[in-house]
Amino acid sequence: MDNLIFQFVIFLILFSIGWAFGRHIEQKHLNELLEKEQQLAHIRIDTNRFATSDQLGQFISSNVVISHDYFKYVLASIKNILGGRLTSYESIVERARREAIIRLKQQAHSVGANHIMGVRLSTTELGMQGGMVEVFAYGTAVKD
């Protein structure tokens, strides 16, 4: 019985440490995303499939893979059993999409473009247990 209590206490300690570090890293990433988004706000994005431009365009793409932390994995496993929205995974997908858009804008900036036309995002779940999310973004960079 004492061994079971000891193992449970160790689990709670490790779980709490994982939660604290995971939250800190996620918050740091969100702050970095916000800063980069503000720096690249001058680059316009549209998702119109039939947009045209008189300028020559260049195909650009970006790719991001983000994994969850142990705390989010445990939380999502519990919610998956009980049913409902997996908000812990929603934040991972949101971060991955924002990072992919930022990288796309950085590529557009590096080729001298200020507009990305026909932007598309493709989200894929990686791993056997769904622990990672990949977002592939692409579009046509043009200078208006």
C-alpha atoms as a PDB file:
ATOM      1  CA  MET A   1       0.000   0.000   0.000  1.00  0.00           C
ATOM      2  CA  ASP A   2       2.842   2.372   0.860  1.00  0.00           C
ATOM      3  CA  ASN A   3       4.463   1.633  -2.488  1.00  0.00           C
ATOM      4  CA  LEU A   4       1.250   2.554  -4.316  1.00  0.00           C
ATOM      5  CA  ILE A   5       0.974   5.861  -2.458  1.00  0.00           C
ATOM      6  CA  PHE A   6       4.640   6.589  -3.157  1.00  0.00           C
ATOM      7  CA  GLN A   7       4.175   5.902  -6.875  1.00  0.00           C
ATOM      8  CA  PHE A   8       1.089   8.136  -6.952  1.00  0.00           C
ATOM      9  CA  VAL A   9       2.968  10.969  -5.234  1.00  0.00           C
ATOM     10  CA  ILE A  10       5.853  10.622  -7.710  1.00  0.00           C
ATOM     11  CA  PHE A  11       3.344  10.686 -10.577  1.00  0.00           C
ATOM     12  CA  LEU A  12       1.729  13.863  -9.214  1.00  0.00           C
ATOM     13  CA  ILE A  13       5.112  15.559  -8.782  1.00  0.00           C
ATOM     14  CA  LEU A  14       6.266  14.675 -12.294  1.00  0.00           C
ATOM     15  CA  PHE A  15       2.863  15.585 -13.691  1.00  0.00           C
ATOM     16  CA  SER A  16       3.003  19.006 -11.993  1.00  0.00           C
ATOM     17  CA  ILE A  17       6.541  19.667 -13.209  1.00  0.00           C
ATOM     18  CA  GLY A  18       5.529  18.664 -16.734  1.00  0.00           C
ATOM     19  CA  TRP A  19       2.481  20.921 -16.576  1.00  0.00           C
ATOM     20  CA  ALA A  20       4.528  23.895 -15.347  1.00  0.00           C
ATOM     21  CA  PHE A  21       7.278  23.511 -17.943  1.00  0.00           C
ATOM     22  CA  GLY A  22       4.796  22.783 -20.732  1.00  0.00           C
ATOM     23  CA  ARG A  23       2.748  25.860 -19.858  1.00  0.00           C
ATOM     24  CA  HIS A  24       5.863  28.032 -19.693  1.00  0.00           C
ATOM     25  CA  ILE A  25       7.126  26.826 -23.077  1.00  0.00           C
ATOM     26  CA  GLU A  26       3.684  27.229 -24.672  1.00  0.00           C
ATOM     27  CA  GLN A  27       3.314  30.770 -23.312  1.00  0.00           C
ATOM     28  CA  LYS A  28       6.808  31.663 -24.534  1.00  0.00           C
ATOM     29  CA  HIS A  29       5.955  30.331 -27.997  1.00  0.00           C
ATOM     30  CA  LEU A  30       2.673  32.280 -28.075  1.00  0.00           C
ATOM     31  CA  ASN A  31       4.523  35.494 -27.171  1.00  0.00           C
ATOM     32  CA  GLU A  32       7.107  34.852 -29.914  1.00  0.00           C
ATOM     33  CA  LEU A  33       4.311  34.211 -32.418  1.00  0.00           C
ATOM     34  CA  LEU A  34       2.596  37.475 -31.503  1.00  0.00           C
ATOM     35  CA  GLU A  35       5.839  39.426 -31.894  1.00  0.00           C
ATOM     36  CA  LYS A  36       6.601  37.876 -35.298  1.00  0.00           C
ATOM     37  CA  GLU A  37       3.012  38.404 -36.485  1.00  0.00           C
ATOM     38  CA  GLN A  38       3.298  42.090 -35.646  1.00  0.00           C
ATOM     39  CA  GLN A  39       6.621  42.366 -37.497  1.00  0.00           C
ATOM     40  CA  LEU A  40       5.166  40.746 -40.619  1.00  0.00           C
ATOM     41  CA  ALA A  41       1.723  42.394 -40.515  1.00  0.00           C
ATOM     42  CA  HIS A  42       2.524  44.406 -43.667  1.00  0.00           C
ATOM     43  CA  ILE A  43       2.443  41.224 -45.786  1.00  0.00           C
ATOM     44  CA  ARG A  44      -1.130  40.581 -46.917  1.00  0.00           C
ATOM     45  CA  ILE A  45      -2.604  37.123 -47.244  1.00  0.00           C
ATOM     46  CA  ASP A  46      -5.664  36.033 -49.173  1.00  0.00           C
ATOM     47  CA  THR A  47      -7.218  32.637 -49.688  1.00  0.00           C
ATOM     48  CA  ASN A  48      -9.102  33.473 -52.867  1.00  0.00           C
ATOM     49  CA  ARG A  49      -8.665  30.605 -55.325  1.00  0.00           C
ATOM     50  CA  PHE A  50      -9.160  32.782 -58.380  1.00  0.00           C
ATOM     51  CA  ALA A  51      -7.183  35.895 -57.446  1.00  0.00           C
ATOM     52  CA  THR A  52      -5.068  37.316 -60.247  1.00  0.00           C
ATOM     53  CA  SER A  53      -2.180  39.718 -60.446  1.00  0.00           C
ATOM     54  CA  ASP A  54      -0.268  41.418 -63.230  1.00  0.00           C
ATOM     55  CA  GLN A  55       2.959  40.747 -61.341  1.00  0.00           C
ATOM     56  CA  LEU A  56       5.009  37.583 -61.624  1.00  0.00           C
ATOM     57  CA  GLY A  57       4.539  35.304 -58.658  1.00  0.00           C
ATOM     58  CA  GLN A  58       6.704  32.782 -56.908  1.00  0.00           C
ATOM     59  CA  PHE A  59       5.477  29.605 -55.223  1.00  0.00           C
ATOM     60  CA  ILE A  60       6.369  29.524 -51.528  1.00  0.00           C
ATOM     61  CA  SER A  61       5.684  26.966 -48.835  1.00  0.00           C
ATOM     62  CA  SER A  62       6.356  26.274 -45.186  1.00  0.00           C
ATOM     63  CA  ASN A  63       6.098  23.280 -42.935  1.00  0.00           C
ATOM     64  CA  VAL A  64       5.736  23.023 -39.138  1.00  0.00           C
ATOM     65  CA  VAL A  65       5.548  20.040 -36.786  1.00  0.00           C
ATOM     66  CA  ILE A  66       4.562  20.611 -33.153  1.00  0.00           C
ATOM     67  CA  SER A  67       4.230  17.970 -30.450  1.00  0.00           C
ATOM     68  CA  HIS A  68       2.188  18.061 -27.253  1.00  0.00           C
ATOM     69  CA  ASP A  69       3.591  17.817 -23.757  1.00  0.00           C
ATOM     70  CA  TYR A  70       2.841  14.988 -21.349  1.00  0.00           C
ATOM     71  CA  PHE A  71       0.235  17.005 -19.417  1.00  0.00           C
ATOM     72  CA  LYS A  72      -1.793  17.684 -22.554  1.00  0.00           C
ATOM     73  CA  TYR A  73      -1.500  14.039 -23.544  1.00  0.00           C
ATOM     74  CA  VAL A  74      -2.971  12.853 -20.221  1.00  0.00           C
ATOM     75  CA  LEU A  75      -5.687  15.523 -20.302  1.00  0.00           C
ATOM     76  CA  ALA A  76      -6.642  14.670 -23.887  1.00  0.00           C
ATOM     77  CA  SER A  77      -6.719  10.941 -23.072  1.00  0.00           C
ATOM     78  CA  ILE A  78      -9.175  11.566 -20.233  1.00  0.00           C
ATOM     79  CA  LYS A  79     -11.365  13.830 -22.369  1.00  0.00           C
ATOM     80  CA  ASN A  80     -11.236  11.322 -25.217  1.00  0.00           C
ATOM     81  CA  ILE A  81     -12.703   8.670 -22.928  1.00  0.00           C
ATOM     82  CA  LEU A  82     -15.380  10.997 -21.537  1.00  0.00           C
ATOM     83  CA  GLY A  83     -16.091  12.783 -24.808  1.00  0.00           C
ATOM     84  CA  GLY A  84     -16.085  16.466 -25.656  1.00  0.00           C
ATOM     85  CA  ARG A  85     -13.775  19.002 -27.244  1.00  0.00           C
ATOM     86  CA  LEU A  86     -10.067  18.338 -26.972  1.00  0.00           C
ATOM     87  CA  THR A  87      -9.093  21.935 -26.190  1.00  0.00           C
ATOM     88  CA  SER A  88      -5.558  20.893 -25.275  1.00  0.00           C
ATOM     89  CA  TYR A  89      -5.022  19.704 -28.855  1.00  0.00           C
ATOM     90  CA  GLU A  90      -6.792  22.749 -30.304  1.00  0.00           C
ATOM     91  CA  SER A  91      -4.076  24.997 -28.880  1.00  0.00           C
ATOM     92  CA  ILE A  92      -1.385  22.851 -30.513  1.00  0.00           C
ATOM     93  CA  VAL A  93      -3.113  23.060 -33.901  1.00  0.00           C
ATOM     94  CA  GLU A  94      -3.568  26.826 -33.518  1.00  0.00           C
ATOM     95  CA  ARG A  95       0.114  27.315 -32.673  1.00  0.00           C
ATOM     96  CA  ALA A  96       1.185  25.153 -35.610  1.00  0.00           C
ATOM     97  CA  ARG A  97      -1.025  27.074 -38.054  1.00  0.00           C
ATOM     98  CA  ARG A  98       0.177  30.448 -36.802  1.00  0.00           C
ATOM     99  CA  GLU A  99       3.813  29.314 -37.042  1.00  0.00           C
ATOM    100  CA  ALA A 100       3.270  28.022 -40.601  1.00  0.00           C
ATOM    101  CA  ILE A 101       1.744  31.369 -41.664  1.00  0.00           C
ATOM    102  CA  ILE A 102       4.644  33.262 -40.077  1.00  0.00           C
ATOM    103  CA  ARG A 103       7.192  31.114 -41.905  1.00  0.00           C
ATOM    104  CA  LEU A 104       5.264  31.630 -45.134  1.00  0.00           C
ATOM    105  CA  LYS A 105       5.354  35.394 -44.604  1.00  0.00           C
ATOM    106  CA  GLN A 106       9.081  35.233 -43.835  1.00  0.00           C
ATOM    107  CA  GLN A 107       9.676  33.483 -47.153  1.00  0.00           C
ATOM    108  CA  ALA A 108       7.574  36.086 -48.951  1.00  0.00           C
ATOM    109  CA  HIS A 109       9.581  38.843 -47.273  1.00  0.00           C
ATOM    110  CA  SER A 110      12.868  37.199 -48.302  1.00  0.00           C
ATOM    111  CA  VAL A 111      11.838  37.256 -51.987  1.00  0.00           C
ATOM    112  CA  GLY A 112      10.653  40.872 -51.737  1.00  0.00           C
ATOM    113  CA  ALA A 113       6.923  40.150 -51.861  1.00  0.00           C
ATOM    114  CA  ASN A 114       4.248  41.950 -49.874  1.00  0.00           C
ATOM    115  CA  HIS A 115       1.243  39.793 -50.785  1.00  0.00           C
ATOM    116  CA  ILE A 116       0.620  36.038 -50.673  1.00  0.00           C
ATOM    117  CA  MET A 117      -2.204  34.858 -52.897  1.00  0.00           C
ATOM    118  CA  GLY A 118      -4.142  31.598 -52.816  1.00  0.00           C
ATOM    119  CA  VAL A 119      -2.911  30.521 -49.385  1.00  0.00           C
ATOM    120  CA  ARG A 120      -3.779  26.972 -48.396  1.00  0.00           C
ATOM    121  CA  LEU A 121      -3.156  25.124 -45.145  1.00  0.00           C
ATOM    122  CA  SER A 122      -3.046  21.365 -44.785  1.00  0.00           C
ATOM    123  CA  THR A 123      -3.125  19.878 -41.282  1.00  0.00           C
ATOM    124  CA  THR A 124      -2.035  16.309 -40.616  1.00  0.00           C
ATOM    125  CA  GLU A 125      -1.923  14.327 -37.397  1.00  0.00           C
ATOM    126  CA  LEU A 126       1.343  12.424 -37.000  1.00  0.00           C
ATOM    127  CA  GLY A 127       2.220   9.532 -34.727  1.00  0.00           C
ATOM    128  CA  MET A 128       0.312   6.456 -33.710  1.00  0.00           C
ATOM    129  CA  GLN A 129      -1.276   8.150 -30.705  1.00  0.00           C
ATOM    130  CA  GLY A 130      -1.812  11.521 -32.363  1.00  0.00           C
ATOM    131  CA  GLY A 131       0.886  13.303 -30.422  1.00  0.00           C
ATOM    132  CA  MET A 132       2.145  15.549 -33.205  1.00  0.00           C
ATOM    133  CA  VAL A 133       0.549  17.927 -35.667  1.00  0.00           C
ATOM    134  CA  GLU A 134       2.044  18.936 -39.001  1.00  0.00           C
ATOM    135  CA  VAL A 135       0.836  22.001 -40.878  1.00  0.00           C
ATOM    136  CA  PHE A 136       1.896  22.576 -44.469  1.00  0.00           C
ATOM    137  CA  ALA A 137       1.167  26.045 -45.866  1.00  0.00           C
ATOM    138  CA  TYR A 138       1.656  27.252 -49.424  1.00  0.00           C
ATOM    139  CA  GLY A 139       0.747  30.112 -51.697  1.00  0.00           C
ATOM    140  CA  THR A 140       2.004  32.468 -54.404  1.00  0.00           C
ATOM    141  CA  ALA A 141       4.137  35.414 -53.323  1.00  0.00           C
ATOM    142  CA  VAL A 142       3.780  38.604 -55.403  1.00  0.00           C
ATOM    143  CA  LYS A 143       4.917  42.196 -55.061  1.00  0.00           C
ATOM    144  CA  ASP A 144       2.008  44.587 -55.610  1.00  0.00           C
END
